[in-house]
Protein backbone atom coordinates (compact mmCIF):
# COMPACT_ATOMS: atom_id res chain seq x y z
CA MET A 1 -17.21 2.38 -1.57
CA LEU A 2 -13.85 1.09 -0.39
CA GLU A 3 -13.02 1.02 3.30
CA ILE A 4 -9.47 0.53 4.54
CA LYS A 5 -8.58 -0.37 8.11
CA VAL A 6 -4.90 -0.26 9.03
CA GLU A 7 -3.49 -2.46 11.78
CA GLU A 8 0.06 -3.14 12.87
CA LYS A 9 1.20 -6.76 12.54
CA GLY A 10 4.66 -6.88 14.03
CA ASN A 11 6.70 -4.35 12.08
CA PHE A 12 4.37 -4.32 9.09
CA PRO A 13 1.14 -2.50 8.37
CA LEU A 14 -1.82 -4.76 7.62
CA LEU A 15 -4.44 -3.15 5.40
CA ARG A 16 -7.88 -4.74 5.53
CA LEU A 17 -9.83 -3.70 2.46
CA ALA A 18 -13.60 -4.02 2.17
CA GLY A 19 -16.07 -2.98 -0.51
CA ARG A 20 -15.61 -1.98 -4.14
CA PHE A 21 -12.06 -1.27 -5.33
CA ASP A 22 -13.19 0.64 -8.42
CA GLY A 23 -12.30 4.14 -9.69
CA PHE A 24 -13.62 5.86 -6.57
CA GLY A 25 -12.10 3.20 -4.32
CA ALA A 26 -8.77 3.63 -6.09
CA SER A 27 -8.73 7.35 -5.19
CA VAL A 28 -9.44 6.42 -1.54
CA ALA A 29 -6.68 3.80 -1.65
CA ASP A 30 -4.18 6.17 -3.30
CA LYS A 31 -4.59 8.65 -0.44
CA GLU A 32 -4.16 5.93 2.18
CA PHE A 33 -1.18 4.37 0.37
CA ASN A 34 0.54 7.79 0.12
CA HIS A 35 -0.05 8.37 3.82
CA LEU A 36 1.30 4.92 4.71
CA ALA A 37 4.37 5.29 2.48
CA ALA A 38 5.24 8.54 4.25
CA GLN A 39 4.77 7.05 7.74
CA HIS A 40 6.34 3.59 7.49
CA ALA A 41 9.97 2.83 6.86
CA GLU A 42 9.20 -0.85 6.27
CA PRO A 43 9.18 -1.84 2.58
CA PHE A 44 6.49 -4.49 3.11
CA TRP A 45 2.73 -4.14 3.50
CA MET A 46 0.21 -6.91 4.01
CA LEU A 47 -3.12 -6.56 2.21
CA ASP A 48 -6.26 -8.48 3.12
CA PHE A 49 -8.71 -8.63 0.19
CA ALA A 50 -11.13 -11.07 1.85
CA GLU A 51 -13.96 -8.52 1.90
CA VAL A 52 -13.31 -6.82 -1.44
CA GLU A 53 -16.43 -7.29 -3.55
CA PHE A 54 -15.08 -5.93 -6.84
CA LEU A 55 -11.63 -5.05 -8.21
CA SER A 56 -11.46 -2.91 -11.36
CA SER A 57 -8.49 -1.99 -13.53
CA ASP A 58 -8.32 1.32 -11.62
CA GLY A 59 -7.87 -0.65 -8.41
CA ILE A 60 -5.14 -2.75 -9.99
CA ARG A 61 -3.38 0.42 -11.20
CA SER A 62 -3.52 1.82 -7.67
CA LEU A 63 -1.90 -1.35 -6.31
CA VAL A 64 0.85 -1.36 -8.95
CA VAL A 65 1.71 2.32 -8.32
CA ALA A 66 1.83 1.73 -4.55
CA ALA A 67 4.03 -1.36 -5.00
CA LYS A 68 6.47 0.61 -7.17
CA ARG A 69 6.57 3.42 -4.61
CA VAL A 70 7.32 1.01 -1.76
CA LYS A 71 9.93 -0.82 -3.80
CA SER A 72 11.61 2.44 -4.80
CA LYS A 73 11.70 3.60 -1.19
CA SER A 74 13.26 0.28 -0.17
CA SER A 75 15.90 0.51 -2.94
CA ARG A 76 16.92 4.02 -1.90
CA ARG A 77 17.30 2.94 1.71
CA SER A 78 19.41 -0.08 0.67
CA ALA A 79 21.63 2.13 -1.49
CA LYS A 80 22.19 4.51 1.43
CA ALA A 81 23.11 1.60 3.69
CA ILE A 82 25.62 0.28 1.16
CA SER A 83 27.25 3.65 0.57
CA ALA A 84 27.61 4.21 4.32
CA CYS A 85 29.85 1.14 4.70
């Protein structure tokens, strides 16, 4: 089972992951990533994988989807800032 602890490091969330990042862990991570994306305006997250025992393709997919979501959110904010000038 995947456990995720979220800490604030400066302006960025630090996610400490521990356990198995498999299919079940990916569903846990997806929920946490969605929650974080809604709460944080910052386009950067730090991830600590030091205690992850196993990473499956489902876990990798979860990371890629979260990265795209954060990048998209960052791009929209940048576009709004440019159009406001």
